[in-house]
Amino acid sequence: MAILWALLCGVLAGAAFGRATQRWRIAAGSGLLGAALAALVALAGDDPWLGAALGVGAAGLIARWARAAALDAARLAILALGALAALRLALVAGGGLPLAPDEAQYWDWSRSLDWAYYSKPGGIAWLIAGWTALFGDGLFALRALGLLLAALALAGAWALARTLALPPAPSAALAALLPIHALSAGLITTDVPLLVCWAWALALAVRWLQDPRPWQLPAFAALVALGISAKYAMLYAWPALALALLAPPLRARRGWWAALALGSLLGVLPLVLWNAAQDWAGLRHLAGQASGSPGWWQPFEFVGGQLAVGLPVSVLLPWAVAWAWRTRAEQPARWLLASAALAPLAALALLSLQAKVQPNWAALTWAPAALLVAAWFRAQPRVWARAVLVGGLALAFCAAAAISALPALRARWPELPPSVPERKLAGWDELAAEVERELASAPAELLTGSYEIAAELAWHLRHRSRPYCANFGRRWHQYDLWQRDQTLPPGSEAVFVLELARTDELDGDWRTRLPAGLLADFAGHGHPRLLRVQRGERVWRQFLIVRLVGFDGALDSARGGQRW
């Protein structure tokens, strides 16, 4: 009923405020948007009246804009950003996407604050700890933090566009709607605070080029330090600055290096002290990632991944970079943006010759790249480039909207084949409920060999002690540093959790699925329980849960794995 109410109000708003020549098109568009928002919240969050209110508000806004004037680029950009923001807010109000394993891991870090952790600096943990101290650690609060960080990153792109004398709404929207940004909005990963610091640091750098003020370089240094505390990738500022010096006007400004050096020192010093106390665990981990197995196909994977996550800017970037190079003497700010975009790409392209490079590792490229492409297109508009921009942004918008609508779509059509992100997010609440029932039957420790399972159970069962994450031959994680001198209490019982392949029928001896030697570390075991995570008739994933009794005091089956 609320959906019909939103549809009716949207149509009436469009008819009342739309211009005579396009009244019914506006009525139909605004009404459908209102109904879609209402349906999303009604299905995902069981709160149809909130959806109706959001939908009616959006419908009236569209109709009011259309009455004032035809939608130009700025209004279309604000409309797209507003629609995505409404979808994300509706998703959060409806319960939000569950935490991904990496997000749950960062939350678990926030319970044991430190300068750094095995794979990342400690900034994300301190940020989450401060936020949850104020607003709690429920899913709504954590997703709200993710949306706030995304809004700050968008504000940084907006400020950078204004500094470059670009139309801020279309330029910032171009950056925000890129898949790498749109699909991560609302997540609490290390990339998002890194992008906030990067965007604002670039805005300050460009402003300093145009109108130097005494406070700008210290602020730039502080943003560099904060960015390094979020992720080591902020150090790409060094090759970016070196590349920027190819523009003669940038060489004349001598405060760059001092500010960058000060910010780097402030950001790196705590990480060096932590690494020195931990046998250089973080740096060894980075070196291990950079020394993978070479493969001739890896550079092609890297290029394909960057084309996808940066679409449509990735297609137009070569033309924009060439334009920035030709005009670098007259417009050094353009070449600064090109340098900030090229430095991570060039470094990671070289790394792809040696190791597999994940698409998000070049996240710093795409905000400056989007602003550079916007400046190039404004200076040299071309019909083919407009087609690339419009088509690519439409695809990116649809993808981001579909991600936001996943819970509603899945509730309506459970038999649809699951996407990879859905499968990774599914089933954690069901697993936690099953493990909680097992622990309620008799006290026991939680034991697993997977950091994903450990992190998810730590968050879902946060009223209990942290799970013990043993290393049965995998790569190291933060749990190995925390628990390297710990073990389970002798004589204790443990509930062991293992994920199976979703096609595993568990025929034959189920004990062969356990890590080799694990049963020998205990006196006995209970009857295993198989948890199938299903949507409709389709099995999405499977977990094996078994109670182990009589721990002998030494987990000999944990072999330590690949440390770095």
Protein backbone atom coordinates (compact mmCIF):
# COMPACT_ATOMS: atom_id res chain seq x y z
CA MET A 1 0.00 0.00 0.00
CA ALA A 2 2.86 2.38 0.83
CA ILE A 3 4.39 1.67 -2.59
CA LEU A 4 1.14 2.63 -4.33
CA TRP A 5 0.93 5.76 -2.17
CA ALA A 6 4.46 6.80 -3.21
CA LEU A 7 3.63 6.16 -6.87
CA LEU A 8 0.44 8.22 -6.68
CA CYS A 9 2.14 11.14 -4.91
CA GLY A 10 5.01 11.08 -7.41
CA VAL A 11 2.63 11.23 -10.35
CA LEU A 12 0.62 14.05 -8.78
CA ALA A 13 3.81 15.98 -7.95
CA GLY A 14 5.03 15.61 -11.52
CA ALA A 15 1.69 16.69 -12.95
CA ALA A 16 1.45 19.70 -10.63
CA PHE A 17 4.98 21.06 -11.06
CA GLY A 18 6.03 19.88 -14.52
CA ARG A 19 5.96 22.16 -17.50
CA ALA A 20 3.05 21.62 -19.87
CA THR A 21 5.20 20.23 -22.69
CA GLN A 22 6.73 17.49 -20.56
CA ARG A 23 4.36 17.18 -17.63
CA TRP A 24 3.48 13.52 -17.97
CA ARG A 25 7.03 12.39 -18.67
CA ILE A 26 8.06 14.13 -15.45
CA ALA A 27 5.10 12.64 -13.64
CA ALA A 28 5.98 9.13 -14.78
CA GLY A 29 9.70 9.47 -13.99
CA SER A 30 9.24 10.99 -10.56
CA GLY A 31 6.50 8.54 -9.66
CA LEU A 32 8.54 5.51 -10.67
CA LEU A 33 11.50 6.73 -8.63
CA GLY A 34 9.26 7.22 -5.63
CA ALA A 35 7.83 3.73 -6.00
CA ALA A 36 11.28 2.21 -6.47
CA LEU A 37 12.62 3.77 -3.29
CA ALA A 38 9.55 2.70 -1.37
CA ALA A 39 9.84 -0.84 -2.70
CA LEU A 40 13.52 -1.06 -1.80
CA VAL A 41 13.02 -0.12 1.83
CA ALA A 42 9.81 -2.11 2.12
CA LEU A 43 11.48 -5.29 0.91
CA ALA A 44 14.95 -4.84 2.44
CA GLY A 45 14.11 -3.28 5.76
CA ASP A 46 10.45 -4.03 6.46
CA ASP A 47 9.78 -0.29 6.76
CA PRO A 48 7.55 0.70 3.83
CA TRP A 49 6.47 4.07 5.21
CA LEU A 50 10.06 5.30 5.39
CA GLY A 51 10.45 4.22 1.78
CA ALA A 52 7.26 6.05 0.84
CA ALA A 53 8.50 9.25 2.49
CA LEU A 54 11.85 9.05 0.68
CA GLY A 55 10.12 8.32 -2.63
CA VAL A 56 7.63 11.17 -2.38
CA GLY A 57 10.42 13.59 -1.45
CA ALA A 58 12.53 12.49 -4.41
CA ALA A 59 9.56 12.72 -6.77
CA GLY A 60 8.71 16.26 -5.68
CA LEU A 61 12.36 17.34 -6.01
CA ILE A 62 12.62 16.02 -9.56
CA ALA A 63 9.37 17.68 -10.55
CA ARG A 64 10.40 21.00 -8.99
CA TRP A 65 13.74 21.02 -10.83
CA ALA A 66 12.10 20.15 -14.11
CA ARG A 67 9.67 23.06 -13.71
CA ALA A 68 12.51 25.53 -13.07
CA ALA A 69 14.54 24.57 -16.17
CA ALA A 70 15.60 21.72 -18.34
CA LEU A 71 18.03 19.45 -16.54
CA ASP A 72 21.56 20.47 -17.47
CA ALA A 73 24.76 18.59 -16.63
CA ALA A 74 24.96 20.03 -13.12
CA ARG A 75 21.39 19.06 -12.27
CA LEU A 76 21.76 15.62 -13.77
CA ALA A 77 24.90 15.12 -11.70
CA ILE A 78 23.20 16.22 -8.49
CA LEU A 79 20.21 14.05 -9.38
CA ALA A 80 22.44 10.99 -9.86
CA LEU A 81 24.34 11.63 -6.63
CA GLY A 82 21.10 12.25 -4.77
CA ALA A 83 19.53 9.07 -6.10
CA LEU A 84 22.54 6.99 -5.06
CA ALA A 85 22.64 8.67 -1.65
CA ALA A 86 18.92 7.92 -1.17
CA LEU A 87 19.47 4.28 -2.13
CA ARG A 88 22.39 3.95 0.28
CA LEU A 89 20.47 5.64 3.09
CA ALA A 90 17.50 3.40 2.41
CA LEU A 91 19.78 0.37 2.52
CA VAL A 92 21.29 1.47 5.84
CA ALA A 93 17.82 2.19 7.25
CA GLY A 94 16.77 -1.28 6.16
CA GLY A 95 19.65 -2.96 8.00
CA GLY A 96 22.45 -2.47 5.48
CA LEU A 97 24.69 -4.97 3.78
CA PRO A 98 26.34 -7.30 6.29
CA LEU A 99 29.96 -6.65 7.12
CA ALA A 100 32.44 -8.23 4.74
CA PRO A 101 35.22 -10.29 6.38
CA ASP A 102 37.80 -7.51 5.93
CA GLU A 103 35.44 -4.98 7.53
CA ALA A 104 34.81 -7.34 10.45
CA GLN A 105 38.57 -7.76 10.79
CA TYR A 106 39.11 -3.99 10.99
CA TRP A 107 36.40 -3.79 13.64
CA ASP A 108 38.18 -6.54 15.59
CA TRP A 109 41.42 -4.56 15.33
CA SER A 110 39.63 -1.61 16.95
CA ARG A 111 39.24 -3.68 20.14
CA SER A 112 43.04 -3.94 20.45
CA LEU A 113 44.37 -0.57 19.36
CA ASP A 114 47.92 -0.31 18.06
CA TRP A 115 49.98 1.86 15.70
CA ALA A 116 49.84 -0.79 13.00
CA TYR A 117 48.73 -4.34 12.27
CA TYR A 118 50.12 -7.18 10.23
CA SER A 119 48.83 -6.05 6.83
CA LYS A 120 47.86 -2.37 7.30
CA PRO A 121 48.60 0.72 9.38
CA GLY A 122 46.37 1.33 12.37
CA GLY A 123 44.40 4.38 11.24
CA ILE A 124 41.25 2.44 10.31
CA ALA A 125 41.18 0.77 13.74
CA TRP A 126 41.49 4.08 15.59
CA LEU A 127 38.79 5.59 13.40
CA ILE A 128 36.38 2.72 14.08
CA ALA A 129 37.21 2.74 17.80
CA GLY A 130 36.43 6.45 18.11
CA TRP A 131 33.21 6.12 16.14
CA THR A 132 31.91 3.08 18.01
CA ALA A 133 32.72 4.71 21.34
CA LEU A 134 30.24 7.42 20.40
CA PHE A 135 27.61 5.53 18.42
CA GLY A 136 28.00 1.83 19.26
CA ASP A 137 29.22 -1.05 17.14
CA GLY A 138 25.96 -2.16 15.54
CA LEU A 139 25.68 -2.59 11.79
CA PHE A 140 23.72 0.66 11.38
CA ALA A 141 26.44 2.67 13.14
CA LEU A 142 29.26 1.10 11.12
CA ARG A 143 27.48 1.60 7.81
CA ALA A 144 26.78 5.21 8.79
CA LEU A 145 30.52 5.68 9.30
CA GLY A 146 31.12 4.32 5.81
CA LEU A 147 28.61 6.76 4.32
CA LEU A 148 30.19 9.67 6.19
CA LEU A 149 33.64 8.78 4.83
CA ALA A 150 32.20 8.53 1.30
CA ALA A 151 30.62 11.97 1.73
CA LEU A 152 33.96 13.43 2.87
CA ALA A 153 35.69 11.94 -0.18
CA LEU A 154 33.00 13.44 -2.43
CA ALA A 155 33.46 16.81 -0.69
CA GLY A 156 37.20 16.60 -1.39
CA ALA A 157 36.55 15.98 -5.10
CA TRP A 158 34.07 18.87 -5.09
CA ALA A 159 36.64 21.19 -3.49
CA LEU A 160 39.29 20.09 -5.98
CA ALA A 161 36.93 20.79 -8.90
CA ARG A 162 36.16 24.28 -7.58
CA THR A 163 39.87 24.98 -7.18
CA LEU A 164 40.42 23.98 -10.81
CA ALA A 165 37.53 26.27 -11.92
CA LEU A 166 35.52 23.25 -13.10
CA PRO A 167 31.75 22.89 -12.65
CA PRO A 168 31.85 21.15 -9.26
CA ALA A 169 28.69 19.04 -9.49
CA PRO A 170 29.39 17.22 -12.80
CA SER A 171 33.11 16.88 -12.03
CA ALA A 172 32.61 15.48 -8.53
CA ALA A 173 29.83 13.22 -9.81
CA LEU A 174 32.14 11.85 -12.48
CA ALA A 175 34.61 10.86 -9.75
CA ALA A 176 31.96 9.53 -7.37
CA LEU A 177 30.20 7.39 -10.00
CA LEU A 178 33.31 5.50 -11.10
CA PRO A 179 32.84 1.84 -10.15
CA ILE A 180 35.84 1.81 -7.80
CA HIS A 181 34.28 4.67 -5.81
CA ALA A 182 30.57 4.02 -6.20
CA LEU A 183 30.76 0.36 -5.23
CA SER A 184 32.87 1.07 -2.13
CA ALA A 185 30.74 3.94 -0.80
CA GLY A 186 29.42 2.94 2.60
CA LEU A 187 32.15 0.35 3.27
CA ILE A 188 34.63 0.70 6.12
CA THR A 189 37.82 -0.32 4.38
CA THR A 190 41.26 1.27 4.42
CA ASP A 191 40.76 2.62 0.89
CA VAL A 192 37.98 5.03 1.87
CA PRO A 193 39.82 7.17 4.49
CA LEU A 194 42.86 7.02 2.20
CA LEU A 195 40.80 8.54 -0.63
CA VAL A 196 39.50 11.25 1.72
CA CYS A 197 43.05 12.32 2.60
CA TRP A 198 44.23 12.06 -1.03
CA ALA A 199 41.42 14.20 -2.46
CA TRP A 200 41.79 16.94 0.13
CA ALA A 201 45.60 16.89 -0.12
CA LEU A 202 45.35 17.40 -3.90
CA ALA A 203 42.84 20.22 -3.41
CA LEU A 204 45.26 21.93 -1.01
CA ALA A 205 48.20 21.43 -3.37
CA VAL A 206 46.36 23.01 -6.30
CA ARG A 207 45.16 25.88 -4.11
CA TRP A 208 48.73 26.46 -2.95
CA LEU A 209 49.87 26.69 -6.57
CA GLN A 210 47.26 29.36 -7.29
CA ASP A 211 47.10 31.31 -4.04
CA PRO A 212 49.81 30.33 -1.49
CA ARG A 213 48.88 30.76 2.17
CA PRO A 214 51.05 29.93 5.22
CA TRP A 215 48.63 27.33 6.60
CA GLN A 216 48.30 25.27 3.42
CA LEU A 217 51.56 23.32 3.52
CA PRO A 218 51.20 22.29 7.21
CA ALA A 219 47.66 21.14 6.43
CA PHE A 220 48.99 19.23 3.42
CA ALA A 221 51.60 17.56 5.65
CA ALA A 222 48.90 16.57 8.17
CA LEU A 223 46.77 15.01 5.42
CA VAL A 224 49.78 13.04 4.15
CA ALA A 225 50.42 11.73 7.68
CA LEU A 226 46.77 10.75 8.14
CA GLY A 227 46.71 9.09 4.73
CA ILE A 228 49.78 6.99 5.58
CA SER A 229 48.11 5.94 8.83
CA ALA A 230 45.20 4.65 6.72
CA LYS A 231 47.26 2.79 4.10
CA TYR A 232 50.86 2.65 2.95
CA ALA A 233 49.70 3.62 -0.56
CA MET A 234 49.68 7.30 0.48
CA LEU A 235 53.44 7.16 -0.14
CA TYR A 236 52.64 7.26 -3.87
CA ALA A 237 52.67 11.00 -3.23
CA TRP A 238 56.47 10.86 -3.63
CA PRO A 239 56.62 9.53 -7.21
CA ALA A 240 53.61 11.71 -8.04
CA LEU A 241 55.48 14.82 -6.90
CA ALA A 242 58.63 13.75 -8.73
CA LEU A 243 56.63 13.32 -11.93
CA ALA A 244 54.90 16.67 -11.40
CA LEU A 245 58.24 18.45 -11.40
CA LEU A 246 58.45 17.90 -15.16
CA ALA A 247 56.28 21.02 -15.37
CA PRO A 248 58.62 24.07 -15.00
CA PRO A 249 56.23 26.15 -12.83
CA LEU A 250 56.05 23.29 -10.31
CA ARG A 251 59.82 23.15 -10.02
CA ALA A 252 59.82 26.77 -8.93
CA ARG A 253 57.78 25.99 -5.81
CA ARG A 254 60.20 24.73 -3.16
CA GLY A 255 57.88 24.08 -0.25
CA TRP A 256 56.57 20.80 -1.67
CA TRP A 257 59.37 18.54 -0.56
CA ALA A 258 59.54 19.91 2.98
CA ALA A 259 55.79 19.49 3.54
CA LEU A 260 55.74 16.03 2.01
CA ALA A 261 58.80 14.97 4.03
CA LEU A 262 57.27 16.26 7.26
CA GLY A 263 53.97 14.49 6.62
CA SER A 264 55.71 11.28 5.64
CA LEU A 265 57.88 11.37 8.77
CA LEU A 266 54.87 11.90 11.03
CA GLY A 267 52.97 9.09 9.32
CA VAL A 268 55.81 6.58 8.94
CA LEU A 269 57.56 6.94 12.31
CA PRO A 270 54.89 5.12 14.39
CA LEU A 271 54.77 2.38 11.75
CA VAL A 272 58.54 1.92 11.83
CA LEU A 273 58.53 1.69 15.63
CA TRP A 274 55.73 -0.89 15.54
CA ASN A 275 57.43 -2.92 12.82
CA ALA A 276 60.73 -2.88 14.71
CA ALA A 277 58.96 -4.36 17.74
CA GLN A 278 57.24 -7.01 15.58
CA ASP A 279 60.26 -8.31 13.64
CA TRP A 280 59.28 -6.05 10.71
CA ALA A 281 56.11 -8.04 10.14
CA GLY A 282 54.26 -5.37 8.14
CA LEU A 283 57.17 -4.58 5.84
CA ARG A 284 57.88 -8.27 5.29
CA HIS A 285 54.23 -8.75 4.40
CA LEU A 286 54.45 -5.96 1.79
CA ALA A 287 57.64 -7.47 0.39
CA GLY A 288 55.93 -10.85 0.19
CA GLN A 289 53.05 -9.36 -1.79
CA ALA A 290 55.53 -7.81 -4.21
CA SER A 291 57.42 -11.06 -4.76
CA GLY A 292 54.72 -13.33 -6.08
CA SER A 293 54.95 -15.71 -8.99
CA PRO A 294 55.50 -13.97 -12.36
CA GLY A 295 52.95 -14.71 -15.08
CA TRP A 296 52.76 -13.34 -18.60
CA TRP A 297 49.02 -12.81 -18.21
CA GLN A 298 49.23 -10.65 -15.08
CA PRO A 299 49.91 -7.30 -16.83
CA PHE A 300 46.87 -7.92 -19.04
CA GLU A 301 44.77 -8.67 -15.96
CA PHE A 302 45.98 -5.44 -14.39
CA VAL A 303 45.11 -3.36 -17.45
CA GLY A 304 41.70 -5.02 -17.78
CA GLY A 305 40.96 -4.50 -14.09
CA GLN A 306 41.84 -0.81 -14.25
CA LEU A 307 39.73 -0.29 -17.37
CA ALA A 308 36.79 -1.80 -15.51
CA VAL A 309 37.09 -0.01 -12.16
CA GLY A 310 37.77 3.37 -13.80
CA LEU A 311 35.14 3.25 -16.54
CA PRO A 312 34.52 5.60 -18.39
CA VAL A 313 37.47 7.75 -17.27
CA SER A 314 39.92 4.91 -17.94
CA VAL A 315 39.00 4.99 -21.65
CA LEU A 316 39.56 8.75 -21.97
CA LEU A 317 42.56 9.11 -19.67
CA PRO A 318 45.30 8.78 -22.38
CA TRP A 319 43.89 11.75 -24.31
CA ALA A 320 43.57 13.81 -21.13
CA VAL A 321 47.14 13.01 -20.04
CA ALA A 322 48.52 13.96 -23.47
CA TRP A 323 46.61 17.24 -23.29
CA ALA A 324 47.94 17.94 -19.78
CA TRP A 325 51.49 17.26 -20.97
CA ARG A 326 51.19 19.69 -23.89
CA THR A 327 49.85 22.46 -21.64
CA ARG A 328 51.98 21.76 -18.55
CA ALA A 329 53.91 25.02 -18.77
CA GLU A 330 50.77 27.20 -18.95
CA GLN A 331 48.51 25.06 -16.73
CA PRO A 332 50.70 23.20 -14.20
CA ALA A 333 47.69 22.14 -12.10
CA ARG A 334 46.54 19.88 -14.95
CA TRP A 335 49.91 18.14 -15.03
CA LEU A 336 49.80 17.79 -11.24
CA LEU A 337 46.53 15.86 -11.59
CA ALA A 338 48.02 13.74 -14.38
CA SER A 339 51.05 12.96 -12.19
CA ALA A 340 48.84 11.98 -9.25
CA ALA A 341 46.91 9.63 -11.55
CA LEU A 342 49.91 8.15 -13.37
CA ALA A 343 52.24 7.46 -10.44
CA PRO A 344 50.22 4.60 -8.86
CA LEU A 345 49.36 3.18 -12.28
CA ALA A 346 52.97 3.13 -13.44
CA ALA A 347 54.29 1.59 -10.21
CA LEU A 348 51.65 -1.12 -10.16
CA ALA A 349 52.02 -1.85 -13.86
CA LEU A 350 55.68 -2.67 -13.18
CA LEU A 351 54.69 -4.74 -10.15
CA SER A 352 52.23 -6.73 -12.29
CA LEU A 353 55.23 -8.15 -14.18
CA GLN A 354 56.26 -9.87 -10.94
CA ALA A 355 53.08 -10.45 -8.91
CA LYS A 356 49.30 -10.38 -9.10
CA VAL A 357 47.96 -6.87 -8.53
CA GLN A 358 44.45 -6.38 -7.13
CA PRO A 359 42.28 -3.78 -8.92
CA ASN A 360 41.78 -1.64 -5.81
CA TRP A 361 45.53 -1.17 -5.27
CA ALA A 362 45.43 1.71 -7.78
CA ALA A 363 42.52 3.41 -6.00
CA LEU A 364 44.46 6.68 -5.72
CA THR A 365 44.55 7.01 -9.51
CA TRP A 366 40.91 7.57 -10.22
CA ALA A 367 39.85 10.72 -8.35
CA PRO A 368 42.55 12.92 -9.98
CA ALA A 369 42.02 11.07 -13.27
CA ALA A 370 38.28 11.90 -13.21
CA LEU A 371 38.95 15.60 -12.58
CA LEU A 372 41.60 15.65 -15.32
CA VAL A 373 39.21 14.06 -17.84
CA ALA A 374 36.52 16.56 -16.81
CA ALA A 375 38.91 19.46 -17.45
CA TRP A 376 40.01 18.00 -20.80
CA PHE A 377 36.44 17.41 -21.96
CA ARG A 378 35.40 20.92 -20.96
CA ALA A 379 38.31 22.40 -22.92
CA GLN A 380 37.99 20.08 -25.92
CA PRO A 381 34.44 18.65 -26.10
CA ARG A 382 34.06 15.86 -28.62
CA VAL A 383 31.00 13.91 -29.66
CA TRP A 384 32.66 10.50 -29.26
CA ALA A 385 33.99 11.42 -25.82
CA ARG A 386 30.52 12.55 -24.75
CA ALA A 387 29.13 9.19 -25.85
CA VAL A 388 31.80 7.36 -23.83
CA LEU A 389 31.12 9.48 -20.75
CA VAL A 390 27.34 9.17 -20.89
CA GLY A 391 27.32 5.46 -21.65
CA GLY A 392 29.98 4.60 -19.08
CA LEU A 393 28.38 6.66 -16.33
CA ALA A 394 25.00 5.10 -17.04
CA LEU A 395 26.53 1.64 -16.64
CA ALA A 396 28.36 2.68 -13.46
CA PHE A 397 25.20 4.20 -11.99
CA CYS A 398 23.17 1.07 -12.74
CA ALA A 399 25.85 -1.14 -11.17
CA ALA A 400 26.01 0.98 -8.02
CA ALA A 401 22.22 1.11 -7.78
CA ALA A 402 22.01 -2.67 -8.25
CA ILE A 403 24.54 -3.23 -5.43
CA SER A 404 22.46 -1.01 -3.15
CA ALA A 405 19.31 -2.88 -4.13
CA LEU A 406 20.77 -6.38 -3.74
CA PRO A 407 18.88 -7.26 -0.52
CA ALA A 408 15.58 -6.21 -2.07
CA LEU A 409 16.27 -7.97 -5.37
CA ARG A 410 17.37 -11.14 -3.60
CA ALA A 411 14.30 -11.16 -1.36
CA ARG A 412 12.09 -10.88 -4.42
CA TRP A 413 13.95 -13.38 -6.64
CA PRO A 414 15.84 -15.83 -4.41
CA GLU A 415 16.46 -18.27 -7.26
CA LEU A 416 18.66 -15.87 -9.22
CA PRO A 417 22.29 -17.11 -9.40
CA PRO A 418 24.36 -15.34 -6.71
CA SER A 419 27.06 -12.85 -7.57
CA VAL A 420 30.52 -13.26 -6.04
CA PRO A 421 30.04 -10.37 -3.54
CA GLU A 422 26.69 -11.79 -2.45
CA ARG A 423 28.17 -15.22 -1.84
CA LYS A 424 31.00 -13.76 0.24
CA LEU A 425 28.56 -11.76 2.37
CA ALA A 426 25.94 -14.47 2.79
CA GLY A 427 25.50 -16.81 5.70
CA TRP A 428 27.56 -15.17 8.44
CA ASP A 429 24.54 -14.44 10.63
CA GLU A 430 23.30 -18.00 10.16
CA LEU A 431 26.72 -19.39 11.05
CA ALA A 432 26.92 -17.19 14.12
CA ALA A 433 23.47 -18.31 15.27
CA GLU A 434 24.42 -21.98 14.83
CA VAL A 435 27.71 -21.54 16.69
CA GLU A 436 25.95 -19.64 19.47
CA ARG A 437 23.54 -22.56 19.93
CA GLU A 438 26.48 -24.94 20.13
CA LEU A 439 28.28 -22.78 22.69
CA ALA A 440 25.10 -22.38 24.73
CA SER A 441 24.82 -26.15 25.11
CA ALA A 442 28.19 -26.34 26.91
CA PRO A 443 31.07 -23.86 27.37
CA ALA A 444 33.87 -24.13 24.80
CA GLU A 445 36.53 -22.13 23.01
CA LEU A 446 35.98 -21.04 19.40
CA LEU A 447 38.58 -22.47 16.99
CA THR A 448 39.02 -21.97 13.25
CA GLY A 449 41.78 -21.79 10.69
CA SER A 450 40.30 -18.94 8.63
CA TYR A 451 40.71 -15.26 9.44
CA GLU A 452 37.42 -14.56 7.63
CA ILE A 453 35.51 -16.92 9.93
CA ALA A 454 37.38 -15.63 13.00
CA ALA A 455 36.63 -12.00 12.17
CA GLU A 456 32.96 -12.56 11.33
CA LEU A 457 32.33 -14.62 14.46
CA ALA A 458 34.23 -12.06 16.55
CA TRP A 459 31.82 -9.37 15.37
CA HIS A 460 28.58 -11.37 15.40
CA LEU A 461 29.41 -12.93 18.80
CA ARG A 462 31.10 -9.87 20.27
CA HIS A 463 29.75 -10.64 23.71
CA ARG A 464 32.11 -13.64 23.74
CA SER A 465 35.89 -13.82 23.74
CA ARG A 466 37.82 -13.54 20.48
CA PRO A 467 38.00 -16.81 18.48
CA TYR A 468 41.32 -18.63 18.29
CA CYS A 469 42.52 -18.58 14.66
CA ALA A 470 45.09 -21.36 14.24
CA ASN A 471 47.43 -21.48 11.28
CA PHE A 472 47.14 -24.83 9.49
CA GLY A 473 49.30 -23.78 6.55
CA ARG A 474 47.81 -20.52 5.23
CA ARG A 475 49.40 -17.07 4.95
CA TRP A 476 49.80 -15.13 8.16
CA HIS A 477 47.25 -12.59 9.40
CA GLN A 478 46.94 -10.32 12.42
CA TYR A 479 45.53 -13.19 14.47
CA ASP A 480 48.88 -14.96 14.18
CA LEU A 481 50.62 -11.98 15.80
CA TRP A 482 48.07 -11.76 18.57
CA GLN A 483 48.02 -15.48 19.31
CA ARG A 484 51.56 -16.61 18.48
CA ASP A 485 52.38 -17.12 22.17
CA GLN A 486 48.91 -18.37 23.13
CA THR A 487 47.09 -21.64 22.90
CA LEU A 488 43.85 -23.15 24.12
CA PRO A 489 43.61 -24.07 27.82
CA PRO A 490 44.69 -27.70 28.41
CA GLY A 491 41.71 -30.01 28.82
CA SER A 492 39.33 -27.51 27.23
CA GLU A 493 36.70 -28.13 24.62
CA ALA A 494 36.66 -26.25 21.31
CA VAL A 495 34.00 -25.68 18.67
CA PHE A 496 35.86 -25.93 15.37
CA VAL A 497 34.39 -24.18 12.31
CA LEU A 498 35.49 -24.89 8.76
CA GLU A 499 34.08 -23.74 5.41
CA LEU A 500 33.59 -26.46 2.81
CA ALA A 501 33.20 -26.22 -0.93
CA ARG A 502 29.54 -25.55 -1.68
CA THR A 503 29.43 -28.66 -3.90
CA ASP A 504 30.83 -30.93 -1.16
CA GLU A 505 28.24 -33.61 -0.38
CA LEU A 506 30.21 -34.70 2.71
CA ASP A 507 30.20 -38.28 1.54
CA GLY A 508 32.81 -40.67 2.91
CA ASP A 509 34.73 -39.89 6.09
CA TRP A 510 34.00 -36.30 7.16
CA ARG A 511 37.19 -36.22 9.23
CA THR A 512 39.28 -35.99 6.07
CA ARG A 513 38.02 -32.41 5.66
CA LEU A 514 39.72 -31.34 8.89
CA PRO A 515 43.32 -30.07 9.01
CA ALA A 516 45.79 -32.94 9.19
CA GLY A 517 46.56 -33.91 12.76
CA LEU A 518 43.88 -31.74 14.38
CA LEU A 519 41.94 -34.66 15.89
CA ALA A 520 45.18 -36.00 17.39
CA ASP A 521 45.44 -32.82 19.50
CA PHE A 522 42.16 -33.69 21.24
CA ALA A 523 40.91 -36.71 23.13
CA GLY A 524 37.69 -36.97 21.16
CA HIS A 525 35.00 -35.19 19.21
CA GLY A 526 31.26 -34.84 18.99
CA HIS A 527 28.93 -35.41 16.09
CA PRO A 528 29.62 -32.96 13.22
CA ARG A 529 26.98 -30.52 12.05
CA LEU A 530 26.73 -29.31 8.48
CA LEU A 531 25.30 -25.82 7.93
CA ARG A 532 24.06 -25.18 4.41
CA VAL A 533 23.47 -21.54 3.52
CA GLN A 534 20.67 -21.67 0.96
CA ARG A 535 18.64 -19.16 -0.97
CA GLY A 536 15.70 -20.97 -2.44
CA GLU A 537 16.95 -24.35 -3.62
CA ARG A 538 20.45 -23.10 -4.37
CA VAL A 539 23.31 -23.83 -1.92
CA TRP A 540 25.50 -20.73 -1.61
CA ARG A 541 28.07 -22.03 0.88
CA GLN A 542 28.59 -24.72 3.52
CA PHE A 543 30.18 -24.82 6.96
CA LEU A 544 31.24 -27.79 9.06
CA ILE A 545 30.88 -27.36 12.84
CA VAL A 546 32.26 -29.95 15.22
CA ARG A 547 32.94 -29.97 18.97
CA LEU A 548 36.39 -31.20 19.96
CA VAL A 549 36.96 -32.35 23.57
CA GLY A 550 39.97 -32.92 25.80
CA PHE A 551 42.65 -30.61 24.35
CA ASP A 552 46.10 -32.01 25.09
CA GLY A 553 47.73 -28.63 25.64
CA ALA A 554 49.68 -28.33 22.36
CA LEU A 555 48.17 -27.59 18.96
CA ASP A 556 50.77 -29.57 17.03
CA SER A 557 48.66 -29.58 13.88
CA ALA A 558 49.12 -25.80 13.50
CA ARG A 559 52.21 -25.69 11.30
CA GLY A 560 52.65 -21.93 11.06
CA GLY A 561 52.13 -21.51 7.32
CA GLN A 562 53.71 -18.89 5.05
CA ARG A 563 54.67 -16.09 7.39
CA TRP A 564 55.17 -13.23 5.00
